[in-house]
Amino acid sequence: MTASVKRVGASGQISLGKEFAGRTVLIESTEPGVWLIKTARTIPDAELWLHQPEAANRLDRALAAIDQPPSLTDLDALAQHLSHQP
């Protein structure tokens, strides 16, 4: 673990260094005077559903299917199956 000393400026800002320029960080205050700073990535609200387990599983299955060779479909069996659906 690396520690460094930084001074909070008059405007309340602190510099983490150029290697973090433009990055999003999560700052947790675990107790008064103690901060835990972690780099983070944000997910737009409209894409959050993609990260739910059910959606992720469906996407994984769909992506795996891309690598499968096509197969012939028995159209009569499919029509019979579909006719029995509620």
PDB file of N, CA and C in Angstrom:
ATOM      1  N   MET A   1       0.859  -1.176   0.000  1.00  0.00           N
ATOM      2  CA  MET A   1       0.000   0.000   0.000  1.00  0.00           C
ATOM      3  C   MET A   1       0.898   1.228   0.000  1.00  0.00           C
ATOM      4  N   THR A   2       0.529   2.211  -0.807  1.00  0.00           N
ATOM      5  CA  THR A   2       1.297   3.440  -0.908  1.00  0.00           C
ATOM      6  C   THR A   2       0.535   4.552  -0.211  1.00  0.00           C
ATOM      7  N   ALA A   3       1.222   5.343   0.553  1.00  0.00           N
ATOM      8  CA  ALA A   3       0.612   6.492   1.224  1.00  0.00           C
ATOM      9  C   ALA A   3       1.292   7.755   0.738  1.00  0.00           C
ATOM     10  N   SER A   4       0.529   8.829   0.649  1.00  0.00           N
ATOM     11  CA  SER A   4       1.104  10.122   0.303  1.00  0.00           C
ATOM     12  C   SER A   4       0.375  11.195   1.092  1.00  0.00           C
ATOM     13  N   VAL A   5       1.038  12.324   1.232  1.00  0.00           N
ATOM     14  CA  VAL A   5       0.463  13.446   1.957  1.00  0.00           C
ATOM     15  C   VAL A   5       0.036  14.495   0.952  1.00  0.00           C
ATOM     16  N   LYS A   6      -1.207  14.919   1.039  1.00  0.00           N
ATOM     17  CA  LYS A   6      -1.763  15.951   0.158  1.00  0.00           C
ATOM     18  C   LYS A   6      -2.391  17.020   1.034  1.00  0.00           C
ATOM     19  N   ARG A   7      -2.475  18.226   0.499  1.00  0.00           N
ATOM     20  CA  ARG A   7      -3.119  19.322   1.231  1.00  0.00           C
ATOM     21  C   ARG A   7      -4.385  19.717   0.474  1.00  0.00           C
ATOM     22  N   VAL A   8      -5.485  19.821   1.213  1.00  0.00           N
ATOM     23  CA  VAL A   8      -6.738  20.272   0.622  1.00  0.00           C
ATOM     24  C   VAL A   8      -6.632  21.774   0.424  1.00  0.00           C
ATOM     25  N   GLY A   9      -6.864  22.218  -0.812  1.00  0.00           N
ATOM     26  CA  GLY A   9      -6.749  23.634  -1.127  1.00  0.00           C
ATOM     27  C   GLY A   9      -7.880  24.459  -0.521  1.00  0.00           C
ATOM     28  N   ALA A  10      -7.766  25.763  -0.667  1.00  0.00           N
ATOM     29  CA  ALA A  10      -8.748  26.691  -0.096  1.00  0.00           C
ATOM     30  C   ALA A  10     -10.136  26.469  -0.679  1.00  0.00           C
ATOM     31  N   SER A  11     -10.208  25.946  -1.907  1.00  0.00           N
ATOM     32  CA  SER A  11     -11.514  25.713  -2.526  1.00  0.00           C
ATOM     33  C   SER A  11     -12.061  24.320  -2.194  1.00  0.00           C
ATOM     34  N   GLY A  12     -11.346  23.550  -1.364  1.00  0.00           N
ATOM     35  CA  GLY A  12     -11.809  22.221  -0.970  1.00  0.00           C
ATOM     36  C   GLY A  12     -11.390  21.117  -1.912  1.00  0.00           C
ATOM     37  N   GLN A  13     -10.487  21.413  -2.831  1.00  0.00           N
ATOM     38  CA  GLN A  13     -10.063  20.407  -3.802  1.00  0.00           C
ATOM     39  C   GLN A  13      -8.745  19.767  -3.390  1.00  0.00           C
ATOM     40  N   ILE A  14      -8.549  18.545  -3.879  1.00  0.00           N
ATOM     41  CA  ILE A  14      -7.306  17.825  -3.664  1.00  0.00           C
ATOM     42  C   ILE A  14      -6.896  17.207  -5.001  1.00  0.00           C
ATOM     43  N   SER A  15      -5.617  17.209  -5.313  1.00  0.00           N
ATOM     44  CA  SER A  15      -5.119  16.629  -6.560  1.00  0.00           C
ATOM     45  C   SER A  15      -4.623  15.223  -6.293  1.00  0.00           C
ATOM     46  N   LEU A  16      -5.101  14.280  -7.099  1.00  0.00           N
ATOM     47  CA  LEU A  16      -4.660  12.890  -6.953  1.00  0.00           C
ATOM     48  C   LEU A  16      -3.521  12.552  -7.898  1.00  0.00           C
ATOM     49  N   GLY A  17      -3.212  13.446  -8.815  1.00  0.00           N
ATOM     50  CA  GLY A  17      -2.135  13.220  -9.771  1.00  0.00           C
ATOM     51  C   GLY A  17      -2.660  13.085 -11.182  1.00  0.00           C
ATOM     52  N   LYS A  18      -1.784  13.356 -12.141  1.00  0.00           N
ATOM     53  CA  LYS A  18      -2.180  13.347 -13.556  1.00  0.00           C
ATOM     54  C   LYS A  18      -2.660  11.983 -14.023  1.00  0.00           C
ATOM     55  N   GLU A  19      -2.187  10.889 -13.412  1.00  0.00           N
ATOM     56  CA  GLU A  19      -2.612   9.558 -13.863  1.00  0.00           C
ATOM     57  C   GLU A  19      -4.100   9.313 -13.627  1.00  0.00           C
ATOM     58  N   PHE A  20      -4.732  10.140 -12.806  1.00  0.00           N
ATOM     59  CA  PHE A  20      -6.164   9.998 -12.544  1.00  0.00           C
ATOM     60  C   PHE A  20      -6.985  11.089 -13.228  1.00  0.00           C
ATOM     61  N   ALA A  21      -6.342  11.912 -14.021  1.00  0.00           N
ATOM     62  CA  ALA A  21      -7.042  13.016 -14.691  1.00  0.00           C
ATOM     63  C   ALA A  21      -8.186  12.470 -15.541  1.00  0.00           C
ATOM     64  N   GLY A  22      -9.362  13.019 -15.363  1.00  0.00           N
ATOM     65  CA  GLY A  22     -10.532  12.634 -16.138  1.00  0.00           C
ATOM     66  C   GLY A  22     -11.227  11.380 -15.656  1.00  0.00           C
ATOM     67  N   ARG A  23     -10.692  10.707 -14.650  1.00  0.00           N
ATOM     68  CA  ARG A  23     -11.295   9.474 -14.140  1.00  0.00           C
ATOM     69  C   ARG A  23     -12.415   9.800 -13.162  1.00  0.00           C
ATOM     70  N   THR A  24     -13.355   8.893 -13.044  1.00  0.00           N
ATOM     71  CA  THR A  24     -14.409   8.996 -12.038  1.00  0.00           C
ATOM     72  C   THR A  24     -13.924   8.262 -10.799  1.00  0.00           C
ATOM     73  N   VAL A  25     -14.162   8.846  -9.632  1.00  0.00           N
ATOM     74  CA  VAL A  25     -13.776   8.192  -8.386  1.00  0.00           C
ATOM     75  C   VAL A  25     -14.971   8.132  -7.441  1.00  0.00           C
ATOM     76  N   LEU A  26     -14.955   7.123  -6.601  1.00  0.00           N
ATOM     77  CA  LEU A  26     -15.949   6.959  -5.549  1.00  0.00           C
ATOM     78  C   LEU A  26     -15.256   7.308  -4.242  1.00  0.00           C
ATOM     79  N   ILE A  27     -15.846   8.209  -3.491  1.00  0.00           N
ATOM     80  CA  ILE A  27     -15.247   8.628  -2.222  1.00  0.00           C
ATOM     81  C   ILE A  27     -16.184   8.214  -1.096  1.00  0.00           C
ATOM     82  N   GLU A  28     -15.701   7.319  -0.242  1.00  0.00           N
ATOM     83  CA  GLU A  28     -16.480   6.863   0.902  1.00  0.00           C
ATOM     84  C   GLU A  28     -15.904   7.488   2.165  1.00  0.00           C
ATOM     85  N   SER A  29     -16.764   8.032   2.989  1.00  0.00           N
ATOM     86  CA  SER A  29     -16.334   8.549   4.283  1.00  0.00           C
ATOM     87  C   SER A  29     -16.675   7.483   5.320  1.00  0.00           C
ATOM     88  N   THR A  30     -15.675   6.724   5.735  1.00  0.00           N
ATOM     89  CA  THR A  30     -15.915   5.614   6.647  1.00  0.00           C
ATOM     90  C   THR A  30     -16.121   6.075   8.087  1.00  0.00           C
ATOM     91  N   GLU A  31     -15.555   7.226   8.409  1.00  0.00           N
ATOM     92  CA  GLU A  31     -15.741   7.884   9.711  1.00  0.00           C
ATOM     93  C   GLU A  31     -15.220   9.302   9.550  1.00  0.00           C
ATOM     94  N   PRO A  32     -15.522  10.194  10.466  1.00  0.00           N
ATOM     95  CA  PRO A  32     -15.061  11.574  10.306  1.00  0.00           C
ATOM     96  C   PRO A  32     -13.544  11.644  10.112  1.00  0.00           C
ATOM     97  N   GLY A  33     -13.129  12.284   9.031  1.00  0.00           N
ATOM     98  CA  GLY A  33     -11.711  12.456   8.751  1.00  0.00           C
ATOM     99  C   GLY A  33     -11.067  11.289   8.022  1.00  0.00           C
ATOM    100  N   VAL A  34     -11.827  10.245   7.704  1.00  0.00           N
ATOM    101  CA  VAL A  34     -11.280   9.079   7.007  1.00  0.00           C
ATOM    102  C   VAL A  34     -12.025   8.911   5.691  1.00  0.00           C
ATOM    103  N   TRP A  35     -11.279   8.929   4.590  1.00  0.00           N
ATOM    104  CA  TRP A  35     -11.864   8.788   3.258  1.00  0.00           C
ATOM    105  C   TRP A  35     -11.220   7.611   2.554  1.00  0.00           C
ATOM    106  N   LEU A  36     -12.022   6.864   1.853  1.00  0.00           N
ATOM    107  CA  LEU A  36     -11.541   5.791   0.999  1.00  0.00           C
ATOM    108  C   LEU A  36     -11.888   6.193  -0.427  1.00  0.00           C
ATOM    109  N   ILE A  37     -10.869   6.352  -1.267  1.00  0.00           N
ATOM    110  CA  ILE A  37     -11.073   6.813  -2.638  1.00  0.00           C
ATOM    111  C   ILE A  37     -10.765   5.655  -3.581  1.00  0.00           C
ATOM    112  N   LYS A  38     -11.753   5.311  -4.435  1.00  0.00           N
ATOM    113  CA  LYS A  38     -11.590   4.215  -5.388  1.00  0.00           C
ATOM    114  C   LYS A  38     -11.932   4.723  -6.784  1.00  0.00           C
ATOM    115  N   THR A  39     -11.160   4.289  -7.782  1.00  0.00           N
ATOM    116  CA  THR A  39     -11.546   4.606  -9.153  1.00  0.00           C
ATOM    117  C   THR A  39     -12.810   3.805  -9.460  1.00  0.00           C
ATOM    118  N   ALA A  40     -13.658   4.371 -10.311  1.00  0.00           N
ATOM    119  CA  ALA A  40     -14.946   3.737 -10.600  1.00  0.00           C
ATOM    120  C   ALA A  40     -15.341   3.990 -12.040  1.00  0.00           C
ATOM    121  N   ARG A  41     -16.263   3.190 -12.509  1.00  0.00           N
ATOM    122  CA  ARG A  41     -16.889   3.409 -13.804  1.00  0.00           C
ATOM    123  C   ARG A  41     -18.373   3.550 -13.549  1.00  0.00           C
ATOM    124  N   THR A  42     -18.993   4.455 -14.245  1.00  0.00           N
ATOM    125  CA  THR A  42     -20.425   4.654 -14.048  1.00  0.00           C
ATOM    126  C   THR A  42     -21.197   3.978 -15.172  1.00  0.00           C
ATOM    127  N   ILE A  43     -22.408   3.565 -14.859  1.00  0.00           N
ATOM    128  CA  ILE A  43     -23.283   2.911 -15.821  1.00  0.00           C
ATOM    129  C   ILE A  43     -24.501   3.812 -16.014  1.00  0.00           C
ATOM    130  N   PRO A  44     -24.777   4.219 -17.248  1.00  0.00           N
ATOM    131  CA  PRO A  44     -25.974   5.036 -17.475  1.00  0.00           C
ATOM    132  C   PRO A  44     -27.230   4.292 -17.026  1.00  0.00           C
ATOM    133  N   ASP A  45     -28.199   5.013 -16.474  1.00  0.00           N
ATOM    134  CA  ASP A  45     -29.435   4.395 -15.993  1.00  0.00           C
ATOM    135  C   ASP A  45     -30.099   3.539 -17.064  1.00  0.00           C
ATOM    136  N   ALA A  46     -30.077   4.001 -18.316  1.00  0.00           N
ATOM    137  CA  ALA A  46     -30.743   3.279 -19.393  1.00  0.00           C
ATOM    138  C   ALA A  46     -30.060   1.948 -19.708  1.00  0.00           C
ATOM    139  N   GLU A  47     -28.810   1.749 -19.241  1.00  0.00           N
ATOM    140  CA  GLU A  47     -28.085   0.512 -19.502  1.00  0.00           C
ATOM    141  C   GLU A  47     -27.924  -0.355 -18.261  1.00  0.00           C
ATOM    142  N   LEU A  48     -28.449   0.101 -17.144  1.00  0.00           N
ATOM    143  CA  LEU A  48     -28.288  -0.627 -15.886  1.00  0.00           C
ATOM    144  C   LEU A  48     -28.908  -2.018 -15.954  1.00  0.00           C
ATOM    145  N   TRP A  49     -30.005  -2.185 -16.680  1.00  0.00           N
ATOM    146  CA  TRP A  49     -30.675  -3.485 -16.779  1.00  0.00           C
ATOM    147  C   TRP A  49     -29.751  -4.548 -17.359  1.00  0.00           C
ATOM    148  N   LEU A  50     -28.770  -4.134 -18.182  1.00  0.00           N
ATOM    149  CA  LEU A  50     -27.848  -5.094 -18.790  1.00  0.00           C
ATOM    150  C   LEU A  50     -26.957  -5.772 -17.755  1.00  0.00           C
ATOM    151  N   HIS A  51     -26.829  -5.175 -16.596  1.00  0.00           N
ATOM    152  CA  HIS A  51     -25.939  -5.695 -15.564  1.00  0.00           C
ATOM    153  C   HIS A  51     -26.690  -6.493 -14.496  1.00  0.00           C
ATOM    154  N   GLN A  52     -27.994  -6.696 -14.679  1.00  0.00           N
ATOM    155  CA  GLN A  52     -28.763  -7.531 -13.761  1.00  0.00           C
ATOM    156  C   GLN A  52     -28.501  -8.990 -14.130  1.00  0.00           C
ATOM    157  N   PRO A  53     -28.486  -9.899 -13.161  1.00  0.00           N
ATOM    158  CA  PRO A  53     -28.126 -11.302 -13.440  1.00  0.00           C
ATOM    159  C   PRO A  53     -28.955 -11.947 -14.555  1.00  0.00           C
ATOM    160  N   GLU A  54     -30.262 -11.742 -14.566  1.00  0.00           N
ATOM    161  CA  GLU A  54     -31.103 -12.378 -15.590  1.00  0.00           C
ATOM    162  C   GLU A  54     -30.733 -11.887 -16.988  1.00  0.00           C
ATOM    163  N   ALA A  55     -30.566 -10.582 -17.136  1.00  0.00           N
ATOM    164  CA  ALA A  55     -30.210 -10.025 -18.443  1.00  0.00           C
ATOM    165  C   ALA A  55     -28.808 -10.459 -18.846  1.00  0.00           C
ATOM    166  N   ALA A  56     -27.892 -10.471 -17.905  1.00  0.00           N
ATOM    167  CA  ALA A  56     -26.519 -10.884 -18.207  1.00  0.00           C
ATOM    168  C   ALA A  56     -26.492 -12.337 -18.674  1.00  0.00           C
ATOM    169  N   ASN A  57     -27.279 -13.210 -18.040  1.00  0.00           N
ATOM    170  CA  ASN A  57     -27.337 -14.617 -18.458  1.00  0.00           C
ATOM    171  C   ASN A  57     -27.908 -14.756 -19.863  1.00  0.00           C
ATOM    172  N   ARG A  58     -28.959 -13.991 -20.149  1.00  0.00           N
ATOM    173  CA  ARG A  58     -29.563 -14.050 -21.483  1.00  0.00           C
ATOM    174  C   ARG A  58     -28.580 -13.551 -22.541  1.00  0.00           C
ATOM    175  N   LEU A  59     -27.858 -12.495 -22.221  1.00  0.00           N
ATOM    176  CA  LEU A  59     -26.858 -11.978 -23.161  1.00  0.00           C
ATOM    177  C   LEU A  59     -25.728 -12.984 -23.378  1.00  0.00           C
ATOM    178  N   ASP A  60     -25.287 -13.628 -22.301  1.00  0.00           N
ATOM    179  CA  ASP A  60     -24.239 -14.640 -22.429  1.00  0.00           C
ATOM    180  C   ASP A  60     -24.685 -15.783 -23.336  1.00  0.00           C
ATOM    181  N   ARG A  61     -25.943 -16.240 -23.168  1.00  0.00           N
ATOM    182  CA  ARG A  61     -26.468 -17.320 -24.018  1.00  0.00           C
ATOM    183  C   ARG A  61     -26.559 -16.866 -25.471  1.00  0.00           C
ATOM    184  N   ALA A  62     -26.994 -15.628 -25.680  1.00  0.00           N
ATOM    185  CA  ALA A  62     -27.110 -15.113 -27.049  1.00  0.00           C
ATOM    186  C   ALA A  62     -25.738 -15.008 -27.710  1.00  0.00           C
ATOM    187  N   LEU A  63     -24.759 -14.534 -26.968  1.00  0.00           N
ATOM    188  CA  LEU A  63     -23.412 -14.417 -27.536  1.00  0.00           C
ATOM    189  C   LEU A  63     -22.805 -15.789 -27.821  1.00  0.00           C
ATOM    190  N   ALA A  64     -23.088 -16.769 -26.965  1.00  0.00           N
ATOM    191  CA  ALA A  64     -22.587 -18.130 -27.191  1.00  0.00           C
ATOM    192  C   ALA A  64     -23.231 -18.737 -28.434  1.00  0.00           C
ATOM    193  N   ALA A  65     -24.484 -18.385 -28.692  1.00  0.00           N
ATOM    194  CA  ALA A  65     -25.201 -18.933 -29.844  1.00  0.00           C
ATOM    195  C   ALA A  65     -24.613 -18.435 -31.163  1.00  0.00           C
ATOM    196  N   ILE A  66     -23.979 -17.296 -31.132  1.00  0.00           N
ATOM    197  CA  ILE A  66     -23.384 -16.745 -32.357  1.00  0.00           C
ATOM    198  C   ILE A  66     -22.335 -17.704 -32.917  1.00  0.00           C
ATOM    199  N   ASP A  67     -21.629 -18.402 -32.044  1.00  0.00           N
ATOM    200  CA  ASP A  67     -20.556 -19.301 -32.465  1.00  0.00           C
ATOM    201  C   ASP A  67     -21.056 -20.673 -32.914  1.00  0.00           C
ATOM    202  N   GLN A  68     -22.346 -20.936 -32.777  1.00  0.00           N
ATOM    203  CA  GLN A  68     -22.907 -22.230 -33.152  1.00  0.00           C
ATOM    204  C   GLN A  68     -23.233 -22.256 -34.643  1.00  0.00           C
ATOM    205  N   PRO A  69     -22.954 -23.360 -35.314  1.00  0.00           N
ATOM    206  CA  PRO A  69     -23.314 -23.442 -36.735  1.00  0.00           C
ATOM    207  C   PRO A  69     -24.836 -23.522 -36.879  1.00  0.00           C
ATOM    208  N   PRO A  70     -25.383 -23.018 -37.967  1.00  0.00           N
ATOM    209  CA  PRO A  70     -26.833 -23.083 -38.157  1.00  0.00           C
ATOM    210  C   PRO A  70     -27.284 -24.530 -38.336  1.00  0.00           C
ATOM    211  N   SER A  71     -28.528 -24.798 -37.978  1.00  0.00           N
ATOM    212  CA  SER A  71     -29.086 -26.137 -38.156  1.00  0.00           C
ATOM    213  C   SER A  71     -30.446 -26.013 -38.835  1.00  0.00           C
ATOM    214  N   LEU A  72     -30.876 -27.100 -39.452  1.00  0.00           N
ATOM    215  CA  LEU A  72     -32.167 -27.112 -40.120  1.00  0.00           C
ATOM    216  C   LEU A  72     -33.286 -27.122 -39.080  1.00  0.00           C
ATOM    217  N   THR A  73     -34.385 -26.474 -39.410  1.00  0.00           N
ATOM    218  CA  THR A  73     -35.535 -26.415 -38.524  1.00  0.00           C
ATOM    219  C   THR A  73     -36.666 -27.246 -39.113  1.00  0.00           C
ATOM    220  N   ASP A  74     -37.275 -28.072 -38.273  1.00  0.00           N
ATOM    221  CA  ASP A  74     -38.445 -28.833 -38.680  1.00  0.00           C
ATOM    222  C   ASP A  74     -39.647 -27.901 -38.540  1.00  0.00           C
ATOM    223  N   LEU A  75     -40.070 -27.314 -39.644  1.00  0.00           N
ATOM    224  CA  LEU A  75     -41.133 -26.306 -39.608  1.00  0.00           C
ATOM    225  C   LEU A  75     -42.461 -26.887 -39.143  1.00  0.00           C
ATOM    226  N   ASP A  76     -42.731 -28.147 -39.465  1.00  0.00           N
ATOM    227  CA  ASP A  76     -43.977 -28.760 -39.005  1.00  0.00           C
ATOM    228  C   ASP A  76     -43.979 -28.900 -37.482  1.00  0.00           C
ATOM    229  N   ALA A  77     -42.870 -29.354 -36.926  1.00  0.00           N
ATOM    230  CA  ALA A  77     -42.769 -29.489 -35.464  1.00  0.00           C
ATOM    231  C   ALA A  77     -42.865 -28.118 -34.811  1.00  0.00           C
ATOM    232  N   LEU A  78     -42.258 -27.109 -35.413  1.00  0.00           N
ATOM    233  CA  LEU A  78     -42.335 -25.755 -34.852  1.00  0.00           C
ATOM    234  C   LEU A  78     -43.759 -25.236 -34.883  1.00  0.00           C
ATOM    235  N   ALA A  79     -44.471 -25.443 -35.990  1.00  0.00           N
ATOM    236  CA  ALA A  79     -45.861 -24.995 -36.094  1.00  0.00           C
ATOM    237  C   ALA A  79     -46.739 -25.697 -35.071  1.00  0.00           C
ATOM    238  N   GLN A  80     -46.505 -26.988 -34.870  1.00  0.00           N
ATOM    239  CA  GLN A  80     -47.281 -27.730 -33.871  1.00  0.00           C
ATOM    240  C   GLN A  80     -46.988 -27.207 -32.468  1.00  0.00           C
ATOM    241  N   HIS A  81     -45.724 -26.974 -32.178  1.00  0.00           N
ATOM    242  CA  HIS A  81     -45.340 -26.433 -30.870  1.00  0.00           C
ATOM    243  C   HIS A  81     -45.996 -25.075 -30.624  1.00  0.00           C
ATOM    244  N   LEU A  82     -45.958 -24.210 -31.624  1.00  0.00           N
ATOM    245  CA  LEU A  82     -46.532 -22.863 -31.486  1.00  0.00           C
ATOM    246  C   LEU A  82     -48.056 -22.898 -31.362  1.00  0.00           C
ATOM    247  N   SER A  83     -48.682 -23.862 -31.980  1.00  0.00           N
ATOM    248  CA  SER A  83     -50.158 -23.945 -31.908  1.00  0.00           C
ATOM    249  C   SER A  83     -50.621 -24.389 -30.515  1.00  0.00           C
ATOM    250  N   HIS A  84     -49.721 -24.964 -29.712  1.00  0.00           N
ATOM    251  CA  HIS A  84     -50.082 -25.414 -28.365  1.00  0.00           C
ATOM    252  C   HIS A  84     -49.719 -24.377 -27.306  1.00  0.00           C
ATOM    253  N   GLN A  85     -49.228 -23.242 -27.724  1.00  0.00           N
ATOM    254  CA  GLN A  85     -48.867 -22.185 -26.772  1.00  0.00           C
ATOM    255  C   GLN A  85     -50.117 -21.406 -26.371  1.00  0.00           C
ATOM    256  N   PRO A  86     -50.234 -21.044 -25.094  1.00  0.00           N
ATOM    257  CA  PRO A  86     -51.422 -20.266 -24.644  1.00  0.00           C
ATOM    258  C   PRO A  86     -51.422 -18.855 -25.192  1.00  0.00           C
TER     259      PRO A  86
END
